Protein backbone atom coordinates (compact mmCIF):
# COMPACT_ATOMS: atom_id res chain seq x y z
CA MET A 1 -0.95 14.03 -4.72
CA HIS A 2 -2.81 12.13 -2.02
CA GLY A 3 -5.18 9.11 -1.74
CA LEU A 4 -6.80 9.61 1.48
CA GLY A 5 -4.25 11.63 3.05
CA ASN A 6 -1.34 9.01 2.09
CA ASP A 7 0.45 11.66 0.27
CA PHE A 8 3.04 11.49 -2.77
CA VAL A 9 5.48 13.64 -4.54
CA VAL A 10 4.87 12.32 -8.03
CA ILE A 11 7.54 12.81 -10.60
CA ASP A 12 6.93 12.82 -14.37
CA GLY A 13 10.01 11.30 -16.12
CA LEU A 14 8.28 9.92 -18.98
CA GLY A 15 10.22 12.47 -21.35
CA ARG A 16 13.48 11.10 -20.14
CA THR A 17 14.76 8.05 -17.66
CA ARG A 18 15.99 9.23 -14.61
CA GLY A 19 16.66 7.59 -11.40
CA LEU A 20 16.49 8.87 -7.86
CA THR A 21 19.21 8.46 -5.25
CA PRO A 22 18.18 7.65 -1.73
CA ASP A 23 19.62 11.01 -0.59
CA GLN A 24 17.36 12.78 -3.22
CA VAL A 25 14.23 10.76 -2.19
CA ARG A 26 14.73 11.67 1.52
CA ARG A 27 15.33 15.32 0.53
CA LEU A 28 11.93 15.41 -1.31
CA ALA A 29 10.11 13.59 1.46
CA ASP A 30 11.49 15.70 4.47
CA ARG A 31 8.22 17.63 5.47
CA ARG A 32 10.59 20.54 6.72
CA PHE A 33 13.30 20.94 4.21
CA GLY A 34 11.66 19.34 1.28
CA VAL A 35 8.14 18.97 -0.24
CA GLY A 36 7.02 16.40 2.35
CA CYS A 37 5.39 12.90 1.43
CA ASP A 38 4.96 9.47 2.60
CA GLN A 39 6.39 8.21 -0.70
CA VAL A 40 7.77 9.38 -3.94
CA LEU A 41 6.46 8.04 -7.15
CA LEU A 42 8.48 8.14 -10.44
CA LEU A 43 7.11 7.75 -13.69
CA GLU A 44 9.29 6.45 -16.46
CA PRO A 45 8.90 5.29 -19.91
CA PRO A 46 7.60 1.63 -20.04
CA ARG A 47 10.10 -1.05 -20.90
CA GLN A 48 7.19 -3.66 -21.61
CA ASP A 49 4.90 -3.57 -24.66
CA GLY A 50 1.37 -3.02 -23.59
CA ALA A 51 2.31 -0.71 -20.62
CA ASP A 52 1.33 3.03 -20.41
CA VAL A 53 3.95 3.69 -17.78
CA ARG A 54 6.76 2.29 -15.68
CA TYR A 55 5.87 3.17 -12.09
CA ARG A 56 8.49 3.20 -9.29
CA ILE A 57 7.82 3.84 -5.53
CA TYR A 58 10.33 5.14 -3.27
CA ASN A 59 9.48 5.29 0.76
CA ALA A 60 10.38 8.51 2.76
CA ASP A 61 13.53 6.72 4.00
CA GLY A 62 14.86 6.25 0.37
CA SER A 63 14.38 2.56 0.09
CA GLU A 64 12.35 1.48 -2.99
CA VAL A 65 9.43 -0.86 -2.82
CA ALA A 66 7.05 -2.70 -5.16
CA GLN A 67 3.75 -1.95 -4.22
CA CYS A 68 1.46 0.78 -3.19
CA GLY A 69 -2.50 1.08 -3.94
CA ASN A 70 -2.73 4.59 -3.08
CA GLY A 71 -0.15 5.63 -5.21
CA ALA A 72 -1.14 3.42 -8.03
CA ARG A 73 -4.56 5.26 -7.91
CA CYS A 74 -2.86 8.60 -8.08
CA ILE A 75 -0.42 7.83 -11.05
CA ALA A 76 -3.59 6.56 -12.87
CA ALA A 77 -5.45 9.93 -12.30
CA TYR A 78 -2.24 11.82 -13.21
CA LEU A 79 -1.77 9.95 -16.49
CA HIS A 80 -5.55 10.39 -17.27
CA GLU A 81 -5.83 13.92 -16.53
CA ARG A 82 -2.49 15.24 -17.19
CA ARG A 83 -1.16 12.89 -19.96
CA ARG A 84 -4.69 12.90 -21.53
CA ILE A 85 -4.97 9.17 -21.68
CA GLY A 86 -8.65 9.24 -22.50
CA ARG A 87 -9.51 5.60 -22.05
CA GLY A 88 -10.60 4.21 -18.67
CA GLU A 89 -8.06 1.60 -18.44
CA ILE A 90 -4.41 2.19 -17.59
CA THR A 91 -1.67 -0.26 -17.46
CA ALA A 92 1.46 0.13 -15.41
CA GLU A 93 4.66 -1.81 -15.23
CA THR A 94 5.81 -2.24 -11.65
CA ALA A 95 8.58 -4.26 -10.09
CA GLU A 96 5.94 -6.93 -9.30
CA GLY A 97 4.58 -7.18 -12.82
CA MET A 98 1.72 -5.29 -14.70
CA LEU A 99 -0.88 -3.42 -12.68
CA ARG A 100 -4.03 -2.51 -14.30
CA LEU A 101 -6.17 0.29 -13.18
CA TYR A 102 -9.80 0.96 -14.24
CA ARG A 103 -11.72 4.60 -13.97
CA GLU A 104 -15.21 4.09 -12.18
CA GLU A 105 -18.14 6.30 -13.20
CA ASP A 106 -17.73 8.43 -10.08
CA GLY A 107 -14.25 9.20 -10.98
CA GLN A 108 -12.55 6.76 -8.53
CA TRP A 109 -10.03 4.15 -9.47
CA ARG A 110 -10.31 0.53 -9.16
CA VAL A 111 -7.01 -1.25 -9.11
CA ASN A 112 -6.11 -5.02 -9.72
CA MET A 113 -3.65 -5.41 -6.66
CA GLY A 114 -2.78 -9.16 -7.78
CA VAL A 115 -2.98 -12.78 -6.18
CA PRO A 116 -2.16 -12.63 -2.47
CA ARG A 117 0.82 -14.69 -1.61
CA PHE A 118 1.35 -16.79 1.86
CA ALA A 119 4.37 -18.88 1.31
CA PRO A 120 7.02 -17.48 4.00
CA SER A 121 9.76 -17.31 1.23
CA ASP A 122 7.13 -15.09 -0.86
CA ILE A 123 6.21 -12.54 2.09
CA PRO A 124 9.24 -13.27 3.37
CA VAL A 125 8.89 -14.14 6.85
CA LEU A 126 11.72 -16.10 8.78
CA ARG A 127 9.27 -18.48 10.37
CA ASP A 128 6.71 -21.22 9.39
CA LEU A 129 3.19 -20.27 9.53
CA GLN A 130 0.18 -22.22 10.92
CA GLY A 131 -2.73 -21.50 8.78
CA ASN A 132 -1.21 -18.14 7.56
CA THR A 133 -0.67 -17.08 11.09
CA LEU A 134 2.26 -16.84 13.64
CA ARG A 135 2.47 -15.74 17.55
CA PHE A 136 4.54 -12.96 18.12
CA PRO A 137 5.62 -12.34 22.04
CA ILE A 138 4.99 -9.08 23.73
CA ASP A 139 5.65 -8.14 27.49
CA THR A 140 2.09 -9.18 28.14
CA GLY A 141 1.84 -12.52 26.58
CA GLU A 142 1.63 -13.09 22.71
CA ILE A 143 -0.59 -11.58 19.88
CA THR A 144 -1.51 -13.45 16.58
CA LEU A 145 -0.40 -11.92 13.33
CA THR A 146 -1.64 -13.00 9.78
CA ALA A 147 1.29 -12.77 7.51
CA LEU A 148 1.06 -12.24 3.76
CA SER A 149 2.10 -10.53 0.71
CA ILE A 150 0.19 -8.03 -1.57
CA GLY A 151 3.26 -7.44 -3.58
CA ASN A 152 4.91 -6.26 -0.37
CA PRO A 153 4.87 -7.86 3.21
CA HIS A 154 2.17 -7.27 5.64
CA ALA A 155 1.41 -8.53 9.28
CA VAL A 156 -2.23 -7.97 10.27
CA MET A 157 -3.63 -8.45 13.85
CA LYS A 158 -7.21 -7.98 15.26
CA VAL A 159 -7.72 -5.33 17.73
CA PRO A 160 -10.99 -4.35 19.69
CA ASP A 161 -10.54 -0.76 18.98
CA VAL A 162 -8.03 0.97 16.56
CA ASP A 163 -8.15 4.22 18.68
CA ALA A 164 -6.58 2.51 21.46
CA ALA A 165 -4.27 0.23 19.54
CA PRO A 166 -0.60 0.59 20.26
CA VAL A 167 0.34 1.46 16.72
CA GLU A 168 3.48 3.63 17.66
CA SER A 169 5.00 0.97 20.03
CA LEU A 170 3.98 -2.47 18.51
CA GLY A 171 4.49 -1.40 14.99
CA PRO A 172 8.09 -0.60 15.24
CA LEU A 173 8.61 -3.58 17.55
CA ILE A 174 7.24 -6.01 15.06
CA GLN A 175 9.35 -4.42 12.05
CA GLN A 176 12.55 -4.42 14.04
CA SER A 177 12.11 -7.88 15.35
CA GLY A 178 14.02 -9.51 12.61
CA LEU A 179 11.24 -11.84 11.64
CA PHE A 180 10.67 -9.90 8.37
CA PRO A 181 13.94 -9.54 6.58
CA GLU A 182 12.52 -6.95 4.03
CA GLY A 183 10.65 -5.10 6.62
CA VAL A 184 6.84 -5.33 6.97
CA ASN A 185 3.66 -3.10 7.11
CA VAL A 186 1.80 -3.70 10.29
CA GLY A 187 -1.93 -3.47 10.20
CA PHE A 188 -4.19 -3.05 13.12
CA MET A 189 -7.94 -3.99 12.21
CA GLN A 190 -11.12 -3.68 14.13
CA VAL A 191 -13.83 -5.64 12.57
CA LEU A 192 -17.37 -3.84 12.96
CA ASP A 193 -19.26 -6.28 11.11
CA ARG A 194 -18.89 -8.79 8.12
CA GLU A 195 -18.75 -5.79 5.66
CA HIS A 196 -17.11 -3.08 7.59
CA VAL A 197 -13.80 -2.70 9.32
CA ARG A 198 -11.49 0.10 10.79
CA LEU A 199 -7.89 0.19 10.34
CA ARG A 200 -4.49 1.86 10.97
CA VAL A 201 -1.29 0.89 9.42
CA TYR A 202 2.32 1.37 10.43
CA GLU A 203 4.32 1.24 7.19
CA ARG A 204 7.87 0.25 6.71
CA GLY A 205 10.01 3.23 5.80
CA ALA A 206 7.32 5.76 6.49
CA GLY A 207 5.56 4.98 9.90
CA GLU A 208 1.85 5.30 10.40
CA THR A 209 0.04 6.97 7.36
CA LEU A 210 -3.43 8.12 7.07
CA ALA A 211 -4.24 5.52 4.57
CA CYS A 212 -2.59 2.41 3.15
CA GLY A 213 -4.06 0.82 0.07
CA SER A 214 -2.12 -2.50 0.01
CA GLY A 215 -2.68 -2.61 3.98
CA ALA A 216 -6.38 -2.41 3.49
CA CYS A 217 -6.29 -5.21 1.11
CA ALA A 218 -4.10 -7.19 3.46
CA ALA A 219 -6.36 -6.77 6.19
CA VAL A 220 -9.45 -7.75 4.38
CA VAL A 221 -7.65 -11.01 3.19
CA ALA A 222 -6.64 -11.72 6.95
CA GLY A 223 -10.22 -11.32 7.80
CA ARG A 224 -11.51 -13.46 5.13
CA LEU A 225 -8.97 -16.23 6.08
CA ALA A 226 -10.49 -15.94 9.80
CA SER A 227 -13.93 -16.21 8.35
CA SER A 228 -14.87 -12.85 9.84
CA LEU A 229 -15.33 -11.00 6.78
CA ASP A 230 -17.78 -10.99 3.33
CA GLU A 231 -16.33 -10.57 -0.08
CA ARG A 232 -16.85 -7.15 -0.41
CA VAL A 233 -15.64 -4.98 2.62
CA ASP A 234 -15.57 -1.14 3.52
CA VAL A 235 -12.33 -0.13 5.15
CA ASP A 236 -12.32 3.08 7.31
CA LEU A 237 -8.88 4.67 7.54
CA ARG A 238 -7.96 8.03 9.44
CA GLY A 239 -7.62 9.59 5.94
CA GLY A 240 -11.12 8.18 4.63
CA HIS A 241 -12.80 5.23 2.99
CA LEU A 242 -11.73 2.37 0.55
CA LEU A 243 -13.51 -0.68 -0.93
CA VAL A 244 -11.73 -3.88 -1.04
CA SER A 245 -13.05 -7.17 -2.52
CA TRP A 246 -11.68 -10.52 -2.64
CA ARG A 247 -13.17 -13.84 -3.87
CA GLY A 248 -10.84 -16.16 -2.04
CA GLU A 249 -7.39 -18.02 -2.84
CA GLY A 250 -6.03 -17.82 -6.12
CA GLU A 251 -7.99 -14.69 -7.09
CA PRO A 252 -6.86 -11.13 -7.18
CA VAL A 253 -7.73 -8.48 -4.65
CA TRP A 254 -9.42 -5.33 -5.92
CA LEU A 255 -9.07 -1.90 -4.32
CA THR A 256 -11.44 1.10 -5.26
CA GLY A 257 -10.74 4.44 -4.03
CA PRO A 258 -10.20 8.47 -4.85
CA ALA A 259 -6.97 10.14 -5.73
CA ALA A 260 -6.52 13.95 -5.55
CA PHE A 261 -4.07 16.65 -7.00
CA VAL A 262 -2.76 19.23 -4.32
CA PHE A 263 -0.20 21.32 -6.04
CA ASP A 264 2.37 21.14 -8.71
CA GLY A 265 5.80 22.77 -8.46
CA ARG A 266 9.59 22.55 -9.37
CA MET A 267 12.46 21.48 -7.15
CA ALA A 268 16.10 21.45 -7.84
CA LEU A 269 17.64 18.27 -6.96
């Protein structure tokens, strides 16, 4: 499946609980020797009352993470169409708590991504922040990063042109700096107007992807904190378009976008 080109291997483990080893994940995610994907999504029986599914996320490098907005829409679409959950609301149990997804009339899915967190220990980042930002040194001087958690760590910077942004060099540099002990997703945001941005994201464990749902949420939150954006913002990524809305501190971020099926298959692990 994919959400705007951010692609996933979705494994239905609802009939039985089965974990995945890092080696198995890496084999599945390999685009030459496996199926190929940015993340592997594993559906398991829920452990908490009221949940339809337990939803686990593995990056292509085998590491397990807690949040993926594009993946969440894909598992909602899978449960709705393949598991025949007819209602328009699906509840998924994640490492970050309960995730609720709602089907829109046009077939897209709207996700409550939770309340952003800004405390350095919650992100986590090993530096005190000034107004949610920090200065990061580079060869030509310094850049300003907005650091926050959307269930996973993000560092967002504003750039004049995303097409010319040094994503492939600066993304790994920030990730490997040691500032973010659990890694970080690095967002490069170009503000077109108060309701429209362009975005590229260099994801931890996957590199640059065509779209990043939590990255889109983090970028809009960063723009709102800087008083650059309104409450509802169209986010253009290389794989397509997402809608993000955030009222402000203490409120959840809402993400709306599509989910698509590509093919079904079997693979021996």
